[in-house]
Amino acid sequence: MSFFKDLFKSKETKHKENVDYLSKNYHKLIDYWGGIIARDIKLEDGSTFSDGTFYNTKYLKYRKDHLEQASIYNAKTTKDKKVYDACRTCYMWFANFDDKIKDKVSNSTQDILDIVTKTDANDTQSIIDKIAKLPQDEKKSKELFKTMQKTQLAYLKKFDELTSK
């Protein structure tokens, strides 16, 4: 029965519920997103955020739209330019999360960074061996990087439009 009840809720009711949720959880959402970007808070699978990886939104603890709305509100209400700039930068990283991504997709540069940071620095042979086993599809990696940059720039533009006074 709940399905039908939700299906026929008015847009106004849904909007009010959304506003109520955001006002009650604003600080939690801002702290969470900032922690994800700073790599202080882990994603839902236990991994840390990487700016060279696209993720499905299932890796976020909270809904992406709620996190975005809290970030925009934070930027619009601050008088501190440094906070505004930090909000803008953090907003750009929403580009890395999308439901169209089945799981995670990273470029070859990110794969190399992951190996280097997760392998004992003294075990250089192991690092070399792991890097040598990586796929060598440079074209795919360049396309992914280009897509990521384009998407991040689109999020910056969206942020600027939403926060312009």
C-alpha atoms as a PDB file:
ATOM      1  CA  MET A   1       0.000   0.000   0.000  1.00  0.00           C
ATOM      2  CA  SER A   2       2.910   2.332   0.709  1.00  0.00           C
ATOM      3  CA  PHE A   3       3.935   2.167  -2.965  1.00  0.00           C
ATOM      4  CA  PHE A   4       0.609   3.596  -4.116  1.00  0.00           C
ATOM      5  CA  LYS A   5       0.608   6.181  -1.346  1.00  0.00           C
ATOM      6  CA  ASP A   6       4.063   7.410  -2.445  1.00  0.00           C
ATOM      7  CA  LEU A   7       3.077   7.266  -6.101  1.00  0.00           C
ATOM      8  CA  PHE A   8       0.211   9.691  -5.668  1.00  0.00           C
ATOM      9  CA  LYS A   9       1.856  12.152  -3.269  1.00  0.00           C
ATOM     10  CA  SER A  10       1.707  15.671  -4.557  1.00  0.00           C
ATOM     11  CA  LYS A  11       4.887  17.384  -5.675  1.00  0.00           C
ATOM     12  CA  GLU A  12       4.312  19.947  -2.949  1.00  0.00           C
ATOM     13  CA  THR A  13       4.233  17.239  -0.267  1.00  0.00           C
ATOM     14  CA  LYS A  14       7.395  15.613  -1.630  1.00  0.00           C
ATOM     15  CA  HIS A  15       9.109  19.017  -1.737  1.00  0.00           C
ATOM     16  CA  LYS A  16       8.140  19.728   1.885  1.00  0.00           C
ATOM     17  CA  GLU A  17       9.451  16.332   2.989  1.00  0.00           C
ATOM     18  CA  ASN A  18      12.704  17.003   1.132  1.00  0.00           C
ATOM     19  CA  VAL A  19      13.099  20.432   2.752  1.00  0.00           C
ATOM     20  CA  ASP A  20      12.362  18.954   6.194  1.00  0.00           C
ATOM     21  CA  TYR A  21      14.947  16.211   5.673  1.00  0.00           C
ATOM     22  CA  LEU A  22      17.582  18.668   4.494  1.00  0.00           C
ATOM     23  CA  SER A  23      17.007  21.091   7.354  1.00  0.00           C
ATOM     24  CA  LYS A  24      17.254  18.288   9.939  1.00  0.00           C
ATOM     25  CA  ASN A  25      20.319  16.669   8.374  1.00  0.00           C
ATOM     26  CA  TYR A  26      22.178  19.619   6.863  1.00  0.00           C
ATOM     27  CA  HIS A  27      25.265  19.435   9.100  1.00  0.00           C
ATOM     28  CA  LYS A  28      25.452  15.660   8.835  1.00  0.00           C
ATOM     29  CA  LEU A  29      25.335  15.867   5.026  1.00  0.00           C
ATOM     30  CA  ILE A  30      27.985  18.603   4.816  1.00  0.00           C
ATOM     31  CA  ASP A  31      30.308  16.817   7.245  1.00  0.00           C
ATOM     32  CA  TYR A  32      29.855  13.523   5.397  1.00  0.00           C
ATOM     33  CA  TRP A  33      30.566  14.945   1.928  1.00  0.00           C
ATOM     34  CA  GLY A  34      33.564  16.930   3.174  1.00  0.00           C
ATOM     35  CA  GLY A  35      34.856  13.768   4.864  1.00  0.00           C
ATOM     36  CA  ILE A  36      34.477  11.773   1.659  1.00  0.00           C
ATOM     37  CA  ILE A  37      36.431  14.354  -0.363  1.00  0.00           C
ATOM     38  CA  ALA A  38      39.113  14.686   2.343  1.00  0.00           C
ATOM     39  CA  ARG A  39      39.298  10.872   2.453  1.00  0.00           C
ATOM     40  CA  ASP A  40      38.542  10.887   6.188  1.00  0.00           C
ATOM     41  CA  ILE A  41      35.280   8.982   5.649  1.00  0.00           C
ATOM     42  CA  LYS A  42      35.162   5.793   3.625  1.00  0.00           C
ATOM     43  CA  LEU A  43      32.677   4.989   0.899  1.00  0.00           C
ATOM     44  CA  GLU A  44      30.054   2.325   1.575  1.00  0.00           C
ATOM     45  CA  ASP A  45      32.340  -0.478   0.345  1.00  0.00           C
ATOM     46  CA  GLY A  46      35.130   0.595   2.707  1.00  0.00           C
ATOM     47  CA  SER A  47      37.282   2.198   0.011  1.00  0.00           C
ATOM     48  CA  THR A  48      38.355   5.825  -0.010  1.00  0.00           C
ATOM     49  CA  PHE A  49      37.284   8.351  -2.624  1.00  0.00           C
ATOM     50  CA  SER A  50      39.599   8.837  -5.560  1.00  0.00           C
ATOM     51  CA  ASP A  51      39.229  11.742  -7.951  1.00  0.00           C
ATOM     52  CA  GLY A  52      40.370   9.499 -10.817  1.00  0.00           C
ATOM     53  CA  THR A  53      37.460   7.100 -10.444  1.00  0.00           C
ATOM     54  CA  PHE A  54      33.795   7.155 -11.453  1.00  0.00           C
ATOM     55  CA  TYR A  55      31.443   5.508  -8.927  1.00  0.00           C
ATOM     56  CA  ASN A  56      27.865   4.353  -8.827  1.00  0.00           C
ATOM     57  CA  THR A  57      25.930   6.350  -6.224  1.00  0.00           C
ATOM     58  CA  LYS A  58      25.433   3.129  -4.220  1.00  0.00           C
ATOM     59  CA  TYR A  59      28.829   3.929  -2.687  1.00  0.00           C
ATOM     60  CA  LEU A  60      27.360   7.004  -0.971  1.00  0.00           C
ATOM     61  CA  LYS A  61      25.680   6.701   2.412  1.00  0.00           C
ATOM     62  CA  TYR A  62      23.248   9.529   1.588  1.00  0.00           C
ATOM     63  CA  ARG A  63      21.356  10.422  -1.558  1.00  0.00           C
ATOM     64  CA  LYS A  64      23.471  12.380  -4.011  1.00  0.00           C
ATOM     65  CA  ASP A  65      20.771  15.007  -4.579  1.00  0.00           C
ATOM     66  CA  HIS A  66      20.561  15.671  -0.835  1.00  0.00           C
ATOM     67  CA  LEU A  67      24.333  16.065  -0.630  1.00  0.00           C
ATOM     68  CA  GLU A  68      24.287  18.425  -3.614  1.00  0.00           C
ATOM     69  CA  GLN A  69      21.474  20.529  -2.178  1.00  0.00           C
ATOM     70  CA  ALA A  70      23.225  20.826   1.181  1.00  0.00           C
ATOM     71  CA  SER A  71      26.430  21.895  -0.579  1.00  0.00           C
ATOM     72  CA  ILE A  72      24.618  24.556  -2.602  1.00  0.00           C
ATOM     73  CA  TYR A  73      22.871  25.851   0.524  1.00  0.00           C
ATOM     74  CA  ASN A  74      26.195  25.989   2.351  1.00  0.00           C
ATOM     75  CA  ALA A  75      27.760  28.003  -0.478  1.00  0.00           C
ATOM     76  CA  LYS A  76      24.811  30.375  -0.808  1.00  0.00           C
ATOM     77  CA  THR A  77      24.677  31.172   2.903  1.00  0.00           C
ATOM     78  CA  THR A  78      28.357  31.678   3.663  1.00  0.00           C
ATOM     79  CA  LYS A  79      29.999  35.072   3.707  1.00  0.00           C
ATOM     80  CA  ASP A  80      33.485  33.535   3.724  1.00  0.00           C
ATOM     81  CA  LYS A  81      35.076  33.339   0.251  1.00  0.00           C
ATOM     82  CA  LYS A  82      37.312  30.422   1.304  1.00  0.00           C
ATOM     83  CA  VAL A  83      34.275  28.390   2.379  1.00  0.00           C
ATOM     84  CA  TYR A  84      32.495  29.258  -0.867  1.00  0.00           C
ATOM     85  CA  ASP A  85      35.522  28.176  -2.920  1.00  0.00           C
ATOM     86  CA  ALA A  86      35.792  24.937  -0.930  1.00  0.00           C
ATOM     87  CA  CYS A  87      32.090  24.259  -1.566  1.00  0.00           C
ATOM     88  CA  ARG A  88      32.621  24.874  -5.273  1.00  0.00           C
ATOM     89  CA  THR A  89      35.552  22.472  -5.440  1.00  0.00           C
ATOM     90  CA  CYS A  90      33.722  19.814  -3.438  1.00  0.00           C
ATOM     91  CA  TYR A  91      30.661  20.211  -5.654  1.00  0.00           C
ATOM     92  CA  MET A  92      32.781  19.413  -8.705  1.00  0.00           C
ATOM     93  CA  TRP A  93      33.485  15.944  -7.276  1.00  0.00           C
ATOM     94  CA  PHE A  94      29.784  15.024  -7.531  1.00  0.00           C
ATOM     95  CA  ALA A  95      30.661  14.433 -11.198  1.00  0.00           C
ATOM     96  CA  ASN A  96      32.420  11.259 -10.071  1.00  0.00           C
ATOM     97  CA  PHE A  97      29.150   9.690  -8.851  1.00  0.00           C
ATOM     98  CA  ASP A  98      26.422   8.598 -11.247  1.00  0.00           C
ATOM     99  CA  ASP A  99      23.821   5.847 -11.411  1.00  0.00           C
ATOM    100  CA  LYS A 100      24.818   5.175 -15.036  1.00  0.00           C
ATOM    101  CA  ILE A 101      28.104   3.728 -13.766  1.00  0.00           C
ATOM    102  CA  LYS A 102      27.525   0.047 -12.951  1.00  0.00           C
ATOM    103  CA  ASP A 103      30.139  -0.107 -10.211  1.00  0.00           C
ATOM    104  CA  LYS A 104      33.499   1.718 -10.393  1.00  0.00           C
ATOM    105  CA  VAL A 105      35.554   2.816 -13.370  1.00  0.00           C
ATOM    106  CA  SER A 106      39.049   4.222 -13.000  1.00  0.00           C
ATOM    107  CA  ASN A 107      41.657   5.398 -15.464  1.00  0.00           C
ATOM    108  CA  SER A 108      45.101   3.816 -15.737  1.00  0.00           C
ATOM    109  CA  THR A 109      46.746   6.642 -13.801  1.00  0.00           C
ATOM    110  CA  GLN A 110      44.427   5.939 -10.888  1.00  0.00           C
ATOM    111  CA  ASP A 111      45.139   2.209 -11.121  1.00  0.00           C
ATOM    112  CA  ILE A 112      48.872   2.914 -10.834  1.00  0.00           C
ATOM    113  CA  LEU A 113      48.333   5.257  -7.871  1.00  0.00           C
ATOM    114  CA  ASP A 114      46.256   2.575  -6.144  1.00  0.00           C
ATOM    115  CA  ILE A 115      49.037   0.017  -6.567  1.00  0.00           C
ATOM    116  CA  VAL A 116      51.719   2.398  -5.321  1.00  0.00           C
ATOM    117  CA  THR A 117      49.734   3.459  -2.241  1.00  0.00           C
ATOM    118  CA  LYS A 118      48.529  -0.049  -1.314  1.00  0.00           C
ATOM    119  CA  THR A 119      51.820  -1.899  -1.795  1.00  0.00           C
ATOM    120  CA  ASP A 120      54.762  -1.782   0.598  1.00  0.00           C
ATOM    121  CA  ALA A 121      57.102   0.931  -0.720  1.00  0.00           C
ATOM    122  CA  ASN A 122      60.127  -1.285  -0.004  1.00  0.00           C
ATOM    123  CA  ASP A 123      58.732  -4.038  -2.245  1.00  0.00           C
ATOM    124  CA  THR A 124      59.600  -2.360  -5.538  1.00  0.00           C
ATOM    125  CA  GLN A 125      59.559  -5.611  -7.506  1.00  0.00           C
ATOM    126  CA  SER A 126      55.977  -6.273  -6.452  1.00  0.00           C
ATOM    127  CA  ILE A 127      54.981  -2.749  -7.501  1.00  0.00           C
ATOM    128  CA  ILE A 128      56.665  -3.202 -10.887  1.00  0.00           C
ATOM    129  CA  ASP A 129      54.989  -6.599 -11.412  1.00  0.00           C
ATOM    130  CA  LYS A 130      51.529  -5.299 -10.522  1.00  0.00           C
ATOM    131  CA  ILE A 131      51.857  -2.277 -12.795  1.00  0.00           C
ATOM    132  CA  ALA A 132      53.083  -4.492 -15.647  1.00  0.00           C
ATOM    133  CA  LYS A 133      49.907  -6.600 -15.338  1.00  0.00           C
ATOM    134  CA  LEU A 134      47.605  -3.609 -15.787  1.00  0.00           C
ATOM    135  CA  PRO A 135      45.710  -3.314 -19.085  1.00  0.00           C
ATOM    136  CA  GLN A 136      47.551  -1.049 -21.507  1.00  0.00           C
ATOM    137  CA  ASP A 137      44.555   0.597 -23.174  1.00  0.00           C
ATOM    138  CA  GLU A 138      45.854   4.160 -23.395  1.00  0.00           C
ATOM    139  CA  LYS A 139      43.035   5.273 -25.715  1.00  0.00           C
ATOM    140  CA  LYS A 140      40.373   4.152 -23.231  1.00  0.00           C
ATOM    141  CA  SER A 141      42.223   5.848 -20.385  1.00  0.00           C
ATOM    142  CA  LYS A 142      42.455   9.140 -22.306  1.00  0.00           C
ATOM    143  CA  GLU A 143      38.744   8.992 -23.169  1.00  0.00           C
ATOM    144  CA  LEU A 144      37.833   8.345 -19.548  1.00  0.00           C
ATOM    145  CA  PHE A 145      40.010  11.228 -18.368  1.00  0.00           C
ATOM    146  CA  LYS A 146      38.492  13.554 -20.976  1.00  0.00           C
ATOM    147  CA  THR A 147      34.958  12.520 -19.962  1.00  0.00           C
ATOM    148  CA  MET A 148      35.791  13.078 -16.307  1.00  0.00           C
ATOM    149  CA  GLN A 149      37.145  16.563 -16.969  1.00  0.00           C
ATOM    150  CA  LYS A 150      34.135  17.473 -19.106  1.00  0.00           C
ATOM    151  CA  THR A 151      31.708  16.231 -16.457  1.00  0.00           C
ATOM    152  CA  GLN A 152      33.525  18.029 -13.659  1.00  0.00           C
ATOM    153  CA  LEU A 153      33.478  21.287 -15.635  1.00  0.00           C
ATOM    154  CA  ALA A 154      29.732  20.824 -16.190  1.00  0.00           C
ATOM    155  CA  TYR A 155      29.265  20.471 -12.418  1.00  0.00           C
ATOM    156  CA  LEU A 156      31.280  23.648 -11.822  1.00  0.00           C
ATOM    157  CA  LYS A 157      29.080  25.485 -14.310  1.00  0.00           C
ATOM    158  CA  LYS A 158      25.942  24.120 -12.613  1.00  0.00           C
ATOM    159  CA  PHE A 159      27.306  25.213  -9.225  1.00  0.00           C
ATOM    160  CA  ASP A 160      28.033  28.712 -10.514  1.00  0.00           C
ATOM    161  CA  GLU A 161      24.524  28.986 -11.979  1.00  0.00           C
ATOM    162  CA  LEU A 162      22.857  27.742  -8.790  1.00  0.00           C
ATOM    163  CA  THR A 163      24.845  29.996  -6.483  1.00  0.00           C
ATOM    164  CA  SER A 164      24.860  33.192  -8.513  1.00  0.00           C
ATOM    165  CA  LYS A 165      23.078  35.916  -6.622  1.00  0.00           C
END
